[in-house]
Amino acid sequence: MKRFLITILVILGVVYYKNREINAIHEFYAVEDEE
C-alpha cells in the first residue's frame, strides 16, 4: 500500500512538472508574439 501511494505521488509530481513546463513555453511564445 505504501508503495502504491509513493507511485501516485511520483506520477502527480511528474504531471505537475510537465504542466509547469508547458505553461512556461506558452508564456514564452506569448511574449514573442507581442513584439
Protein backbone atom coordinates (compact mmCIF):
# COMPACT_ATOMS: atom_id res chain seq x y z
CA MET A 1 0.00 0.00 0.00
CA LYS A 2 2.82 2.39 0.88
CA ARG A 3 4.48 1.65 -2.44
CA PHE A 4 1.20 2.41 -4.22
CA LEU A 5 0.95 5.83 -2.52
CA ILE A 6 4.55 6.66 -3.41
CA THR A 7 3.84 5.76 -7.05
CA ILE A 8 0.83 8.13 -7.09
CA LEU A 9 2.94 10.93 -5.57
CA VAL A 10 5.64 10.42 -8.21
CA ILE A 11 3.08 10.48 -11.05
CA LEU A 12 1.45 13.65 -9.66
CA GLY A 13 4.87 15.26 -9.35
CA VAL A 14 5.74 14.44 -12.96
CA VAL A 15 2.36 15.70 -14.24
CA TYR A 16 2.72 18.93 -12.21
CA TYR A 17 6.25 19.49 -13.53
CA LYS A 18 5.16 18.86 -17.14
CA ASN A 19 2.26 21.33 -16.77
CA ARG A 20 4.63 23.99 -15.41
CA GLU A 21 6.97 23.39 -18.35
CA ILE A 22 4.08 23.72 -20.86
CA ASN A 23 2.87 26.95 -19.19
CA ALA A 24 6.38 28.40 -19.37
CA ILE A 25 6.55 27.58 -23.09
CA HIS A 26 3.15 29.24 -23.69
CA GLU A 27 4.26 32.36 -21.82
CA PHE A 28 7.46 32.46 -23.88
CA TYR A 29 5.50 32.31 -27.14
CA ALA A 30 3.03 34.93 -25.90
CA VAL A 31 5.94 37.30 -25.24
CA GLU A 32 7.37 36.55 -28.69
CA ASP A 33 4.02 37.37 -30.37
CA GLU A 34 3.76 40.79 -28.72
CA GLU A 35 6.89 42.10 -30.39
